[in-house]
C-alpha atoms as a PDB file:
ATOM      1  CA  MET A   1      25.131 -34.858  -9.461  1.00  0.00           C
ATOM      2  CA  ARG A   2      22.753 -34.829 -12.177  1.00  0.00           C
ATOM      3  CA  GLY A   3      22.636 -38.647 -12.877  1.00  0.00           C
ATOM      4  CA  ARG A   4      22.877 -39.156  -9.418  1.00  0.00           C
ATOM      5  CA  ALA A   5      19.755 -37.330  -8.662  1.00  0.00           C
ATOM      6  CA  LEU A   6      18.084 -38.774 -11.697  1.00  0.00           C
ATOM      7  CA  VAL A   7      18.655 -42.132 -10.192  1.00  0.00           C
ATOM      8  CA  LEU A   8      17.364 -41.237  -7.120  1.00  0.00           C
ATOM      9  CA  ALA A   9      13.826 -39.994  -8.469  1.00  0.00           C
ATOM     10  CA  VAL A  10      13.485 -43.126 -10.212  1.00  0.00           C
ATOM     11  CA  GLY A  11      13.965 -45.038  -7.269  1.00  0.00           C
ATOM     12  CA  VAL A  12      10.956 -42.904  -5.708  1.00  0.00           C
ATOM     13  CA  VAL A  13       8.638 -43.505  -8.646  1.00  0.00           C
ATOM     14  CA  ALA A  14       9.336 -47.329  -8.812  1.00  0.00           C
ATOM     15  CA  SER A  15       8.841 -47.717  -4.664  1.00  0.00           C
ATOM     16  CA  GLY A  16       5.357 -45.495  -5.251  1.00  0.00           C
ATOM     17  CA  LEU A  17       4.188 -47.635  -7.905  1.00  0.00           C
ATOM     18  CA  MET A  18       5.114 -50.676  -5.931  1.00  0.00           C
ATOM     19  CA  GLY A  19       2.950 -49.445  -2.895  1.00  0.00           C
ATOM     20  CA  VAL A  20       0.372 -48.805  -5.306  1.00  0.00           C
ATOM     21  CA  GLN A  21       0.255 -52.758  -6.824  1.00  0.00           C
ATOM     22  CA  ALA A  22       0.387 -53.438  -2.714  1.00  0.00           C
ATOM     23  CA  ALA A  23      -2.496 -51.516  -1.867  1.00  0.00           C
ATOM     24  CA  THR A  24      -4.950 -52.670  -4.652  1.00  0.00           C
ATOM     25  CA  ALA A  25      -4.281 -56.514  -3.982  1.00  0.00           C
ATOM     26  CA  GLN A  26      -7.247 -55.766  -1.213  1.00  0.00           C
ATOM     27  CA  ALA A  27     -10.360 -56.590  -3.402  1.00  0.00           C
ATOM     28  CA  LYS A  28     -12.852 -53.710  -3.236  1.00  0.00           C
ATOM     29  CA  PRO A  29     -15.501 -54.162  -0.370  1.00  0.00           C
ATOM     30  CA  GLU A  30     -18.542 -54.072  -3.241  1.00  0.00           C
ATOM     31  CA  ALA A  31     -16.720 -57.398  -5.047  1.00  0.00           C
ATOM     32  CA  LEU A  32     -16.741 -58.768  -1.445  1.00  0.00           C
ATOM     33  CA  PRO A  33     -19.408 -61.249  -0.090  1.00  0.00           C
ATOM     34  CA  ALA A  34     -21.436 -59.369   2.478  1.00  0.00           C
ATOM     35  CA  CYS A  35     -22.247 -59.095   5.936  1.00  0.00           C
ATOM     36  CA  GLN A  36     -25.323 -57.620   7.342  1.00  0.00           C
ATOM     37  CA  PHE A  37     -26.207 -55.734  10.524  1.00  0.00           C
ATOM     38  CA  GLY A  38     -28.735 -58.147  11.458  1.00  0.00           C
ATOM     39  CA  ILE A  39     -31.151 -56.223  13.259  1.00  0.00           C
ATOM     40  CA  PRO A  40     -34.691 -56.220  12.798  1.00  0.00           C
ATOM     41  CA  ALA A  41     -36.264 -52.289  11.106  1.00  0.00           C
ATOM     42  CA  LYS A  42     -38.770 -52.409  14.385  1.00  0.00           C
ATOM     43  CA  VAL A  43     -37.175 -53.254  17.692  1.00  0.00           C
ATOM     44  CA  ALA A  44     -39.466 -53.709  21.068  1.00  0.00           C
ATOM     45  CA  ILE A  45     -38.282 -53.281  24.658  1.00  0.00           C
ATOM     46  CA  THR A  46     -40.332 -55.225  26.769  1.00  0.00           C
ATOM     47  CA  LYS A  47     -38.017 -56.186  29.798  1.00  0.00           C
ATOM     48  CA  PRO A  48     -34.848 -54.325  31.652  1.00  0.00           C
ATOM     49  CA  ASN A  49     -31.388 -54.895  30.442  1.00  0.00           C
ATOM     50  CA  ALA A  50     -32.468 -56.097  26.907  1.00  0.00           C
ATOM     51  CA  ARG A  51     -29.848 -56.943  24.788  1.00  0.00           C
ATOM     52  CA  LEU A  52     -30.735 -58.402  21.078  1.00  0.00           C
ATOM     53  CA  PRO A  53     -28.052 -60.518  19.361  1.00  0.00           C
ATOM     54  CA  ILE A  54     -26.915 -59.119  16.061  1.00  0.00           C
ATOM     55  CA  GLY A  55     -26.327 -61.921  13.033  1.00  0.00           C
ATOM     56  CA  MET A  56     -24.456 -61.011  10.521  1.00  0.00           C
ATOM     57  CA  GLY A  57     -26.084 -63.044   7.658  1.00  0.00           C
ATOM     58  CA  ALA A  58     -25.745 -66.038   5.640  1.00  0.00           C
ATOM     59  CA  THR A  59     -23.545 -64.731   3.035  1.00  0.00           C
ATOM     60  CA  CYS A  60     -20.885 -63.411   5.902  1.00  0.00           C
ATOM     61  CA  PRO A  61     -17.979 -65.296   5.388  1.00  0.00           C
ATOM     62  CA  LYS A  62     -17.030 -67.437   8.629  1.00  0.00           C
ATOM     63  CA  ALA A  63     -13.245 -65.809   8.244  1.00  0.00           C
ATOM     64  CA  VAL A  64     -14.466 -62.415   9.485  1.00  0.00           C
ATOM     65  CA  TYR A  65     -12.764 -61.830  12.628  1.00  0.00           C
ATOM     66  CA  GLU A  66     -13.527 -58.005  13.216  1.00  0.00           C
ATOM     67  CA  ALA A  67     -16.525 -56.133  11.793  1.00  0.00           C
ATOM     68  CA  VAL A  68     -17.450 -52.572  13.216  1.00  0.00           C
ATOM     69  CA  TRP A  69     -20.700 -50.825  12.899  1.00  0.00           C
ATOM     70  CA  VAL A  70     -21.791 -47.117  14.233  1.00  0.00           C
ATOM     71  CA  GLY A  71     -25.023 -46.486  15.290  1.00  0.00           C
ATOM     72  CA  GLN A  72     -26.160 -42.657  14.634  1.00  0.00           C
ATOM     73  CA  ALA A  73     -29.646 -41.458  15.910  1.00  0.00           C
ATOM     74  CA  ASP A  74     -31.734 -38.709  14.316  1.00  0.00           C
ATOM     75  CA  GLY A  75     -31.900 -35.745  15.928  1.00  0.00           C
ATOM     76  CA  VAL A  76     -28.546 -36.314  18.216  1.00  0.00           C
ATOM     77  CA  THR A  77     -25.563 -34.850  17.316  1.00  0.00           C
ATOM     78  CA  GLY A  78     -22.021 -35.865  19.141  1.00  0.00           C
ATOM     79  CA  THR A  79     -22.838 -39.161  20.258  1.00  0.00           C
ATOM     80  CA  SER A  80     -22.937 -42.787  18.592  1.00  0.00           C
ATOM     81  CA  TYR A  81     -23.001 -46.345  19.654  1.00  0.00           C
ATOM     82  CA  GLN A  82     -20.298 -48.489  18.049  1.00  0.00           C
ATOM     83  CA  VAL A  83     -21.024 -52.258  18.023  1.00  0.00           C
ATOM     84  CA  ALA A  84     -18.228 -54.808  16.847  1.00  0.00           C
ATOM     85  CA  CYS A  85     -19.256 -58.004  15.619  1.00  0.00           C
ATOM     86  CA  GLY A  86     -17.394 -60.843  13.966  1.00  0.00           C
ATOM     87  CA  TRP A  87     -17.291 -64.524  14.588  1.00  0.00           C
ATOM     88  CA  GLY A  88     -14.323 -63.804  17.011  1.00  0.00           C
ATOM     89  CA  HIS A  89     -16.952 -62.013  19.032  1.00  0.00           C
ATOM     90  CA  PRO A  90     -19.718 -64.470  20.207  1.00  0.00           C
ATOM     91  CA  ASN A  91     -21.363 -61.814  22.245  1.00  0.00           C
ATOM     92  CA  CYS A  92     -22.379 -59.207  19.692  1.00  0.00           C
ATOM     93  CA  GLY A  93     -25.219 -57.592  20.071  1.00  0.00           C
ATOM     94  CA  VAL A  94     -26.930 -54.162  20.959  1.00  0.00           C
ATOM     95  CA  VAL A  95     -28.234 -53.060  24.588  1.00  0.00           C
ATOM     96  CA  LEU A  96     -31.615 -51.435  23.338  1.00  0.00           C
ATOM     97  CA  GLU A  97     -31.886 -48.621  25.883  1.00  0.00           C
ATOM     98  CA  ASN A  98     -28.944 -47.762  24.116  1.00  0.00           C
ATOM     99  CA  THR A  99     -30.895 -47.486  21.055  1.00  0.00           C
ATOM    100  CA  TYR A 100     -32.397 -44.128  21.689  1.00  0.00           C
ATOM    101  CA  PRO A 101     -36.395 -45.158  21.821  1.00  0.00           C
ATOM    102  CA  GLY A 102     -38.433 -43.423  19.333  1.00  0.00           C
ATOM    103  CA  ARG A 103     -35.547 -42.181  17.073  1.00  0.00           C
ATOM    104  CA  VAL A 104     -34.516 -43.972  13.866  1.00  0.00           C
ATOM    105  CA  MET A 105     -30.712 -45.543  13.941  1.00  0.00           C
ATOM    106  CA  HIS A 106     -28.431 -45.480  11.016  1.00  0.00           C
ATOM    107  CA  TRP A 107     -26.217 -48.336  11.059  1.00  0.00           C
ATOM    108  CA  THR A 108     -23.194 -47.619   9.102  1.00  0.00           C
ATOM    109  CA  ALA A 109     -19.680 -49.433   8.720  1.00  0.00           C
ATOM    110  CA  PRO A 110     -17.134 -46.562   8.698  1.00  0.00           C
ATOM    111  CA  SER A 111     -14.683 -48.795   6.935  1.00  0.00           C
ATOM    112  CA  GLY A 112     -16.940 -50.252   4.783  1.00  0.00           C
ATOM    113  CA  HIS A 113     -15.356 -53.766   5.327  1.00  0.00           C
ATOM    114  CA  GLY A 114     -14.454 -56.670   7.500  1.00  0.00           C
ATOM    115  CA  ALA A 115     -11.490 -58.248   7.888  1.00  0.00           C
ATOM    116  CA  ASP A 116     -10.061 -61.392   8.895  1.00  0.00           C
ATOM    117  CA  ARG A 117      -7.306 -62.378  11.689  1.00  0.00           C
ATOM    118  CA  THR A 118      -4.870 -61.280   9.563  1.00  0.00           C
ATOM    119  CA  GLY A 119      -6.519 -57.717   8.495  1.00  0.00           C
ATOM    120  CA  ALA A 120      -7.303 -58.771   4.931  1.00  0.00           C
ATOM    121  CA  TRP A 121     -10.429 -57.302   3.649  1.00  0.00           C
ATOM    122  CA  ILE A 122     -12.728 -60.404   3.047  1.00  0.00           C
ATOM    123  CA  ALA A 123     -16.471 -58.870   3.441  1.00  0.00           C
ATOM    124  CA  SER A 124     -18.337 -55.798   2.707  1.00  0.00           C
ATOM    125  CA  LEU A 125     -20.370 -54.414   5.550  1.00  0.00           C
ATOM    126  CA  ARG A 126     -23.991 -53.776   4.622  1.00  0.00           C
ATOM    127  CA  SER A 127     -25.946 -50.563   6.602  1.00  0.00           C
ATOM    128  CA  ALA A 128     -29.040 -51.133   8.334  1.00  0.00           C
ATOM    129  CA  THR A 129     -31.499 -48.849   9.829  1.00  0.00           C
ATOM    130  CA  SER A 130     -34.064 -49.389  12.941  1.00  0.00           C
ATOM    131  CA  THR A 131     -36.389 -47.957  15.254  1.00  0.00           C
ATOM    132  CA  THR A 132     -36.782 -49.263  19.026  1.00  0.00           C
ATOM    133  CA  LYS A 133     -39.818 -48.407  20.821  1.00  0.00           C
ATOM    134  CA  TYR A 134     -41.139 -49.716  23.994  1.00  0.00           C
ATOM    135  CA  GLY A 135     -43.377 -52.714  23.886  1.00  0.00           C
ATOM    136  CA  ALA A 136     -47.304 -52.557  24.196  1.00  0.00           C
ATOM    137  CA  ALA A 137     -49.900 -55.457  24.966  1.00  0.00           C
ATOM    138  CA  VAL A 138     -53.860 -55.575  25.063  1.00  0.00           C
ATOM    139  CA  SER A 139     -55.715 -58.227  26.674  1.00  0.00           C
ATOM    140  CA  LEU A 140     -59.179 -58.732  25.938  1.00  0.00           C
ATOM    141  CA  THR A 141     -61.995 -60.551  27.344  1.00  0.00           C
ATOM    142  CA  GLY A 142     -65.751 -61.257  26.503  1.00  0.00           C
ATOM    143  CA  ALA A 143     -68.692 -61.661  27.882  1.00  0.00           C
ATOM    144  CA  ARG A 144     -72.541 -62.377  25.976  1.00  0.00           C
ATOM    145  CA  SER A 145     -75.930 -62.398  27.728  1.00  0.00           C
ATOM    146  CA  GLY A 146     -78.542 -62.981  25.167  1.00  0.00           C
ATOM    147  CA  THR A 147     -78.020 -60.577  22.391  1.00  0.00           C
ATOM    148  CA  LYS A 148     -75.871 -57.751  24.310  1.00  0.00           C
ATOM    149  CA  THR A 149     -72.063 -58.470  24.160  1.00  0.00           C
ATOM    150  CA  THR A 150     -69.610 -56.840  26.488  1.00  0.00           C
ATOM    151  CA  LEU A 151     -66.101 -56.225  25.228  1.00  0.00           C
ATOM    152  CA  THR A 152     -63.100 -55.312  27.598  1.00  0.00           C
ATOM    153  CA  ALA A 153     -59.766 -54.275  26.898  1.00  0.00           C
ATOM    154  CA  ARG A 154     -56.602 -53.633  29.369  1.00  0.00           C
ATOM    155  CA  PRO A 155     -53.923 -51.861  27.341  1.00  0.00           C
ATOM    156  CA  THR A 156     -50.362 -52.205  28.637  1.00  0.00           C
ATOM    157  CA  TYR A 157     -46.904 -50.786  27.653  1.00  0.00           C
ATOM    158  CA  TYR A 158     -43.478 -51.209  29.268  1.00  0.00           C
ATOM    159  CA  SER A 159     -42.175 -48.352  31.125  1.00  0.00           C
ATOM    160  CA  ALA A 160     -38.567 -48.020  31.110  1.00  0.00           C
ATOM    161  CA  LYS A 161     -38.601 -46.030  34.843  1.00  0.00           C
ATOM    162  CA  THR A 162     -40.645 -48.592  36.574  1.00  0.00           C
ATOM    163  CA  LYS A 163     -39.095 -51.633  34.456  1.00  0.00           C
ATOM    164  CA  GLY A 164     -42.492 -53.126  34.117  1.00  0.00           C
ATOM    165  CA  PHE A 165     -45.497 -53.038  32.174  1.00  0.00           C
ATOM    166  CA  VAL A 166     -48.039 -50.441  33.329  1.00  0.00           C
ATOM    167  CA  ARG A 167     -51.572 -48.636  32.163  1.00  0.00           C
ATOM    168  CA  HIS A 168     -51.657 -47.760  28.973  1.00  0.00           C
ATOM    169  CA  HIS A 169     -53.562 -44.019  28.285  1.00  0.00           C
ATOM    170  CA  GLY A 170     -54.219 -44.118  24.851  1.00  0.00           C
ATOM    171  CA  ARG A 171     -57.395 -44.841  22.878  1.00  0.00           C
ATOM    172  CA  VAL A 172     -58.468 -48.569  22.611  1.00  0.00           C
ATOM    173  CA  LEU A 173     -59.999 -49.396  18.781  1.00  0.00           C
ATOM    174  CA  PHE A 174     -62.324 -52.097  18.892  1.00  0.00           C
ATOM    175  CA  GLN A 175     -62.769 -54.390  15.857  1.00  0.00           C
ATOM    176  CA  SER A 176     -65.084 -57.244  14.756  1.00  0.00           C
ATOM    177  CA  LYS A 177     -64.897 -60.087  11.960  1.00  0.00           C
ATOM    178  CA  ASP A 178     -67.573 -61.962  10.684  1.00  0.00           C
ATOM    179  CA  PRO A 179     -67.254 -65.931  10.665  1.00  0.00           C
ATOM    180  CA  GLY A 180     -65.471 -66.616   7.131  1.00  0.00           C
ATOM    181  CA  SER A 181     -64.378 -63.244   6.518  1.00  0.00           C
ATOM    182  CA  SER A 182     -60.886 -61.915   6.581  1.00  0.00           C
ATOM    183  CA  VAL A 183     -61.996 -58.670   7.069  1.00  0.00           C
ATOM    184  CA  TRP A 184     -61.913 -56.553   9.954  1.00  0.00           C
ATOM    185  CA  LYS A 185     -64.254 -54.084  11.163  1.00  0.00           C
ATOM    186  CA  ASP A 186     -63.620 -50.929  13.041  1.00  0.00           C
ATOM    187  CA  LEU A 187     -66.739 -50.910  15.888  1.00  0.00           C
ATOM    188  CA  GLY A 188     -65.473 -47.621  17.805  1.00  0.00           C
ATOM    189  CA  TYR A 189     -63.054 -46.083  20.325  1.00  0.00           C
ATOM    190  CA  VAL A 190     -63.015 -46.059  23.940  1.00  0.00           C
ATOM    191  CA  VAL A 191     -60.365 -44.683  26.521  1.00  0.00           C
ATOM    192  CA  PRO A 192     -59.382 -46.469  29.278  1.00  0.00           C
ATOM    193  CA  SER A 193     -60.848 -45.178  32.689  1.00  0.00           C
ATOM    194  CA  SER A 194     -58.810 -44.711  35.822  1.00  0.00           C
ATOM    195  CA  THR A 195     -58.642 -48.387  36.228  1.00  0.00           C
ATOM    196  CA  GLY A 196     -57.175 -48.729  33.021  1.00  0.00           C
ATOM    197  CA  ALA A 197     -59.952 -50.865  31.578  1.00  0.00           C
ATOM    198  CA  ALA A 198     -61.399 -49.852  27.725  1.00  0.00           C
ATOM    199  CA  THR A 199     -65.115 -51.429  27.727  1.00  0.00           C
ATOM    200  CA  TYR A 200     -67.325 -51.620  24.566  1.00  0.00           C
ATOM    201  CA  THR A 201     -71.292 -53.269  24.357  1.00  0.00           C
ATOM    202  CA  LEU A 202     -72.860 -53.887  21.510  1.00  0.00           C
ATOM    203  CA  THR A 203     -76.066 -55.668  20.409  1.00  0.00           C
ATOM    204  CA  THR A 204     -75.949 -58.586  18.175  1.00  0.00           C
ATOM    205  CA  ASN A 205     -77.402 -61.797  17.553  1.00  0.00           C
ATOM    206  CA  ARG A 206     -74.659 -63.345  15.749  1.00  0.00           C
ATOM    207  CA  SER A 207     -71.236 -64.643  17.116  1.00  0.00           C
ATOM    208  CA  ARG A 208     -68.273 -62.858  15.767  1.00  0.00           C
ATOM    209  CA  ALA A 209     -64.701 -62.640  16.341  1.00  0.00           C
ATOM    210  CA  TYR A 210     -63.122 -59.637  18.306  1.00  0.00           C
ATOM    211  CA  ARG A 211     -59.858 -57.729  18.752  1.00  0.00           C
ATOM    212  CA  ALA A 212     -58.662 -54.864  20.547  1.00  0.00           C
ATOM    213  CA  TYR A 213     -55.754 -52.310  19.702  1.00  0.00           C
ATOM    214  CA  VAL A 214     -53.807 -49.378  20.366  1.00  0.00           C
ATOM    215  CA  ALA A 215     -51.913 -47.408  18.304  1.00  0.00           C
ATOM    216  CA  SER A 216     -48.108 -46.661  17.980  1.00  0.00           C
ATOM    217  CA  SER A 217     -47.202 -43.395  19.816  1.00  0.00           C
ATOM    218  CA  ALA A 218     -43.432 -41.540  19.608  1.00  0.00           C
ATOM    219  CA  THR A 219     -41.974 -43.695  21.961  1.00  0.00           C
ATOM    220  CA  VAL A 220     -44.509 -46.906  22.243  1.00  0.00           C
ATOM    221  CA  TRP A 221     -44.948 -49.653  19.411  1.00  0.00           C
ATOM    222  CA  TYR A 222     -48.575 -50.542  18.675  1.00  0.00           C
ATOM    223  CA  ALA A 223     -50.370 -53.476  19.960  1.00  0.00           C
ATOM    224  CA  TYR A 224     -53.331 -55.701  19.069  1.00  0.00           C
ATOM    225  CA  SER A 225     -54.631 -58.166  21.182  1.00  0.00           C
ATOM    226  CA  ALA A 226     -55.683 -62.086  20.477  1.00  0.00           C
ATOM    227  CA  ASN A 227     -59.036 -62.860  19.005  1.00  0.00           C
ATOM    228  CA  VAL A 228     -62.002 -63.979  21.048  1.00  0.00           C
ATOM    229  CA  THR A 229     -64.877 -65.116  19.938  1.00  0.00           C
ATOM    230  CA  ARG A 230     -68.543 -64.491  21.463  1.00  0.00           C
END
């Protein structure tokens, strides 16, 4: 009986060793080609139902069929956003309204690897971070009469409530740049009126380039106007 028990024990050990060898046959994720979660660090929502396609980078093997990332927002517990990618999922993308605008999203791959159609690990999945906010815009016009130049800016931002751009309440910074210079100089801040317009008037006998700027807030990105020369 003791001899039989010994044979059985040796059989269990041998079986265990075979299992270890099979498990280690898979390459470690860090030794595999890398797949990126191709989301920009800064993302802006500028239209309803915005969806951002996600690429996986040039080094990601074309045979990757399954790659899953999970997004977790700072300060939000109990919920996450799962995105399944892979060359077998051509519609891989992120619905931007689901990325908690105003919060940093941390995208990680729970398994750490991407698999082919057989389930074999063939790529490592890299982490990423992103911040989604609503987009802003500033229109700028200028008029010159004699030595007086009047600049009028109208800042707006995208509203999830109205599903369109609405009047921005943030103050506008006007800037100027002399011909041949690359340096923008601050002229001053103006708070938009009830009509949404911010107006700045200066006296100068020189033609300059001008632009207007609104700063970021907790949920809205900053924006610059196009340059105007007067």
